[in-house]
Amino acid sequence: MVQKKFMLRVERFSFGLRLTEVRIPNHTVRDSSARLECHFDLDGEALYSVKWYKDGNEFYRYVPRDMPPAQVFILPGVSVDQVERIL
């Protein structure tokens, strides 16, 4: 088992964001997959970005106004499934 430390950052333009749930496994088996999920309520406001970090390094970013809106950054030990990344 490998313990992993992940951090989530969700940004929007005003203060109505409510993070309702974050699902991150406490432990995973090396070279196995893990699903990271965040659920939030924007209360009708526009989302600015969702960013995922591992050990302080960003590996995934979603900014709806960017083209393309989703970006994956190379980070040793992290692989983002292109099919599963849904927002």
N, C-alpha and C. Protein backbone atom coordinates (compact mmCIF):
# COMPACT_ATOMS: atom_id res chain seq x y z
N MET A 1 0.84 -1.18 0.00
CA MET A 1 0.00 0.00 0.00
C MET A 1 0.88 1.24 0.00
N VAL A 2 0.45 2.24 -0.73
CA VAL A 2 1.17 3.49 -0.83
C VAL A 2 0.25 4.61 -0.38
N GLN A 3 0.71 5.43 0.55
CA GLN A 3 -0.10 6.56 0.97
C GLN A 3 0.24 7.74 0.07
N LYS A 4 -0.79 8.38 -0.46
CA LYS A 4 -0.59 9.50 -1.37
C LYS A 4 -1.23 10.74 -0.79
N LYS A 5 -0.60 11.88 -1.02
CA LYS A 5 -1.15 13.15 -0.56
C LYS A 5 -1.59 13.96 -1.76
N PHE A 6 -2.88 14.26 -1.83
CA PHE A 6 -3.43 15.06 -2.91
C PHE A 6 -4.08 16.30 -2.33
N MET A 7 -4.11 17.35 -3.13
CA MET A 7 -4.78 18.58 -2.73
C MET A 7 -5.66 19.03 -3.88
N LEU A 8 -6.81 19.56 -3.56
CA LEU A 8 -7.75 20.06 -4.55
C LEU A 8 -7.92 21.55 -4.35
N ARG A 9 -7.97 22.27 -5.46
CA ARG A 9 -8.23 23.71 -5.39
C ARG A 9 -9.33 24.03 -6.39
N VAL A 10 -10.42 24.58 -5.91
CA VAL A 10 -11.55 24.99 -6.75
C VAL A 10 -11.71 26.48 -6.58
N GLU A 11 -11.74 27.21 -7.71
CA GLU A 11 -11.85 28.67 -7.64
C GLU A 11 -13.05 29.15 -8.44
N ARG A 12 -13.66 30.20 -7.97
CA ARG A 12 -14.72 30.85 -8.72
C ARG A 12 -14.64 32.34 -8.44
N PHE A 13 -15.45 33.13 -9.12
CA PHE A 13 -15.31 34.58 -9.05
C PHE A 13 -15.90 35.21 -7.79
N SER A 14 -16.90 34.62 -7.17
CA SER A 14 -17.47 35.24 -5.97
C SER A 14 -17.46 34.24 -4.82
N PHE A 15 -18.15 34.54 -3.73
CA PHE A 15 -18.01 33.77 -2.51
C PHE A 15 -19.11 32.75 -2.25
N GLY A 16 -19.90 32.34 -3.26
CA GLY A 16 -21.00 31.41 -3.05
C GLY A 16 -20.63 29.95 -3.20
N LEU A 17 -19.36 29.63 -3.42
CA LEU A 17 -18.95 28.25 -3.62
C LEU A 17 -19.13 27.44 -2.34
N ARG A 18 -19.72 26.26 -2.51
CA ARG A 18 -19.85 25.35 -1.37
C ARG A 18 -19.33 23.99 -1.81
N LEU A 19 -18.21 23.57 -1.23
CA LEU A 19 -17.64 22.26 -1.51
C LEU A 19 -18.47 21.24 -0.75
N THR A 20 -19.14 20.34 -1.47
CA THR A 20 -20.05 19.41 -0.82
C THR A 20 -19.40 18.06 -0.51
N GLU A 21 -18.42 17.64 -1.33
CA GLU A 21 -17.78 16.35 -1.07
C GLU A 21 -16.48 16.24 -1.86
N VAL A 22 -15.47 15.66 -1.24
CA VAL A 22 -14.21 15.32 -1.89
C VAL A 22 -13.93 13.86 -1.59
N ARG A 23 -13.68 13.08 -2.63
CA ARG A 23 -13.39 11.65 -2.46
C ARG A 23 -11.98 11.37 -2.97
N ILE A 24 -11.11 11.01 -2.04
CA ILE A 24 -9.72 10.66 -2.35
C ILE A 24 -9.39 9.43 -1.52
N PRO A 25 -8.97 8.33 -2.15
CA PRO A 25 -8.62 7.15 -1.36
C PRO A 25 -7.44 7.44 -0.43
N ASN A 26 -7.49 6.92 0.79
CA ASN A 26 -6.39 7.10 1.74
C ASN A 26 -5.14 6.35 1.30
N HIS A 27 -5.33 5.15 0.76
CA HIS A 27 -4.21 4.32 0.33
C HIS A 27 -4.55 3.67 -1.00
N THR A 28 -3.52 3.41 -1.80
CA THR A 28 -3.68 2.66 -3.04
C THR A 28 -2.52 1.69 -3.18
N VAL A 29 -2.72 0.67 -3.98
CA VAL A 29 -1.65 -0.27 -4.29
C VAL A 29 -0.83 0.34 -5.42
N ARG A 30 0.49 0.28 -5.29
CA ARG A 30 1.38 0.87 -6.30
C ARG A 30 0.98 0.38 -7.70
N ASP A 31 0.98 1.28 -8.66
CA ASP A 31 0.64 1.03 -10.06
C ASP A 31 -0.83 0.67 -10.29
N SER A 32 -1.67 0.90 -9.30
CA SER A 32 -3.10 0.71 -9.50
C SER A 32 -3.76 2.07 -9.69
N SER A 33 -4.99 2.07 -10.13
CA SER A 33 -5.67 3.34 -10.37
C SER A 33 -6.44 3.78 -9.12
N ALA A 34 -6.68 5.07 -9.06
CA ALA A 34 -7.48 5.66 -7.98
C ALA A 34 -8.33 6.75 -8.61
N ARG A 35 -9.54 6.85 -8.16
CA ARG A 35 -10.45 7.87 -8.69
C ARG A 35 -10.54 9.01 -7.68
N LEU A 36 -10.26 10.23 -8.14
CA LEU A 36 -10.35 11.42 -7.32
C LEU A 36 -11.59 12.19 -7.75
N GLU A 37 -12.43 12.55 -6.81
CA GLU A 37 -13.66 13.25 -7.14
C GLU A 37 -13.85 14.46 -6.24
N CYS A 38 -14.42 15.52 -6.80
CA CYS A 38 -14.86 16.64 -5.99
C CYS A 38 -16.25 17.04 -6.47
N HIS A 39 -17.09 17.35 -5.52
CA HIS A 39 -18.46 17.77 -5.81
C HIS A 39 -18.67 19.11 -5.13
N PHE A 40 -19.25 20.06 -5.87
CA PHE A 40 -19.42 21.39 -5.30
C PHE A 40 -20.68 22.03 -5.85
N ASP A 41 -21.17 23.02 -5.13
CA ASP A 41 -22.34 23.79 -5.52
C ASP A 41 -21.89 25.22 -5.75
N LEU A 42 -22.07 25.71 -6.96
CA LEU A 42 -21.64 27.07 -7.30
C LEU A 42 -22.73 28.10 -7.03
N ASP A 43 -23.89 27.64 -6.63
CA ASP A 43 -25.01 28.54 -6.33
C ASP A 43 -25.28 29.50 -7.48
N GLY A 44 -25.23 28.96 -8.71
CA GLY A 44 -25.54 29.76 -9.90
C GLY A 44 -24.41 30.62 -10.42
N GLU A 45 -23.26 30.61 -9.77
CA GLU A 45 -22.13 31.43 -10.20
C GLU A 45 -21.27 30.68 -11.21
N ALA A 46 -20.35 31.39 -11.86
CA ALA A 46 -19.46 30.81 -12.86
C ALA A 46 -18.23 30.19 -12.20
N LEU A 47 -17.86 29.01 -12.66
CA LEU A 47 -16.65 28.36 -12.18
C LEU A 47 -15.45 28.99 -12.84
N TYR A 48 -14.41 29.29 -12.07
CA TYR A 48 -13.17 29.80 -12.64
C TYR A 48 -12.22 28.64 -12.95
N SER A 49 -11.94 27.78 -11.95
CA SER A 49 -11.03 26.67 -12.21
C SER A 49 -11.16 25.58 -11.15
N VAL A 50 -10.73 24.38 -11.55
CA VAL A 50 -10.55 23.25 -10.65
C VAL A 50 -9.14 22.76 -10.90
N LYS A 51 -8.35 22.61 -9.83
CA LYS A 51 -6.97 22.17 -9.98
C LYS A 51 -6.67 21.07 -8.97
N TRP A 52 -5.95 20.04 -9.43
CA TRP A 52 -5.52 18.95 -8.55
C TRP A 52 -4.00 18.99 -8.43
N TYR A 53 -3.52 18.75 -7.20
CA TYR A 53 -2.09 18.76 -6.90
C TYR A 53 -1.70 17.48 -6.18
N LYS A 54 -0.48 17.04 -6.40
CA LYS A 54 0.11 15.94 -5.63
C LYS A 54 1.46 16.43 -5.11
N ASP A 55 1.64 16.36 -3.81
CA ASP A 55 2.88 16.81 -3.17
C ASP A 55 3.26 18.23 -3.59
N GLY A 56 2.26 19.11 -3.72
CA GLY A 56 2.50 20.50 -4.06
C GLY A 56 2.68 20.79 -5.54
N ASN A 57 2.58 19.76 -6.39
CA ASN A 57 2.76 19.93 -7.84
C ASN A 57 1.44 19.71 -8.57
N GLU A 58 1.07 20.67 -9.39
CA GLU A 58 -0.18 20.58 -10.14
C GLU A 58 -0.06 19.51 -11.22
N PHE A 59 -1.10 18.65 -11.31
CA PHE A 59 -1.11 17.64 -12.38
C PHE A 59 -2.36 17.70 -13.24
N TYR A 60 -3.38 18.43 -12.81
CA TYR A 60 -4.60 18.55 -13.62
C TYR A 60 -5.22 19.92 -13.38
N ARG A 61 -5.68 20.53 -14.46
CA ARG A 61 -6.33 21.85 -14.37
C ARG A 61 -7.51 21.88 -15.32
N TYR A 62 -8.63 22.41 -14.83
CA TYR A 62 -9.81 22.63 -15.67
C TYR A 62 -10.22 24.09 -15.51
N VAL A 63 -10.15 24.84 -16.60
CA VAL A 63 -10.57 26.24 -16.63
C VAL A 63 -11.54 26.37 -17.81
N PRO A 64 -12.84 26.48 -17.55
CA PRO A 64 -13.84 26.46 -18.62
C PRO A 64 -13.59 27.46 -19.75
N ARG A 65 -12.99 28.61 -19.44
CA ARG A 65 -12.79 29.64 -20.47
C ARG A 65 -11.52 29.42 -21.29
N ASP A 66 -10.65 28.48 -20.90
CA ASP A 66 -9.44 28.19 -21.67
C ASP A 66 -9.76 27.25 -22.83
N MET A 67 -8.91 27.24 -23.83
CA MET A 67 -9.02 26.30 -24.94
C MET A 67 -7.71 25.55 -25.09
N PRO A 68 -7.68 24.26 -24.85
CA PRO A 68 -8.78 23.44 -24.34
C PRO A 68 -9.00 23.72 -22.86
N PRO A 69 -10.19 23.46 -22.35
CA PRO A 69 -10.47 23.77 -20.95
C PRO A 69 -9.72 22.88 -19.96
N ALA A 70 -9.40 21.65 -20.35
CA ALA A 70 -8.69 20.73 -19.44
C ALA A 70 -7.24 20.59 -19.87
N GLN A 71 -6.34 20.62 -18.89
CA GLN A 71 -4.91 20.41 -19.14
C GLN A 71 -4.37 19.39 -18.15
N VAL A 72 -3.50 18.53 -18.64
CA VAL A 72 -2.84 17.54 -17.80
C VAL A 72 -1.35 17.85 -17.82
N PHE A 73 -0.72 17.87 -16.64
CA PHE A 73 0.70 18.16 -16.52
C PHE A 73 1.43 16.89 -16.12
N ILE A 74 2.57 16.65 -16.73
CA ILE A 74 3.34 15.45 -16.45
C ILE A 74 3.92 15.53 -15.05
N LEU A 75 3.67 14.47 -14.28
CA LEU A 75 4.18 14.38 -12.92
C LEU A 75 4.48 12.91 -12.66
N PRO A 76 5.72 12.59 -12.29
CA PRO A 76 6.06 11.19 -12.03
C PRO A 76 5.11 10.55 -11.01
N GLY A 77 4.62 9.37 -11.35
CA GLY A 77 3.72 8.65 -10.46
C GLY A 77 2.26 9.00 -10.64
N VAL A 78 1.94 9.94 -11.54
CA VAL A 78 0.55 10.34 -11.77
C VAL A 78 0.23 10.18 -13.25
N SER A 79 -0.88 9.52 -13.52
CA SER A 79 -1.37 9.36 -14.88
C SER A 79 -2.85 9.69 -14.87
N VAL A 80 -3.28 10.63 -15.70
CA VAL A 80 -4.68 11.04 -15.75
C VAL A 80 -5.36 10.31 -16.90
N ASP A 81 -6.44 9.62 -16.59
CA ASP A 81 -7.22 8.91 -17.59
C ASP A 81 -8.02 9.93 -18.39
N GLN A 82 -7.71 10.08 -19.65
CA GLN A 82 -8.34 11.08 -20.50
C GLN A 82 -9.84 10.86 -20.64
N VAL A 83 -10.31 9.63 -20.55
CA VAL A 83 -11.73 9.32 -20.71
C VAL A 83 -12.50 9.67 -19.45
N GLU A 84 -11.92 9.44 -18.29
CA GLU A 84 -12.62 9.61 -17.03
C GLU A 84 -12.67 11.04 -16.52
N ARG A 85 -11.86 11.93 -17.05
CA ARG A 85 -11.84 13.30 -16.52
C ARG A 85 -13.08 14.04 -17.01
N ILE A 86 -14.03 14.15 -16.15
CA ILE A 86 -15.32 14.75 -16.48
C ILE A 86 -15.58 15.89 -15.52
N LEU A 87 -16.09 16.97 -16.05
CA LEU A 87 -16.49 18.07 -15.18
C LEU A 87 -17.84 18.53 -15.63
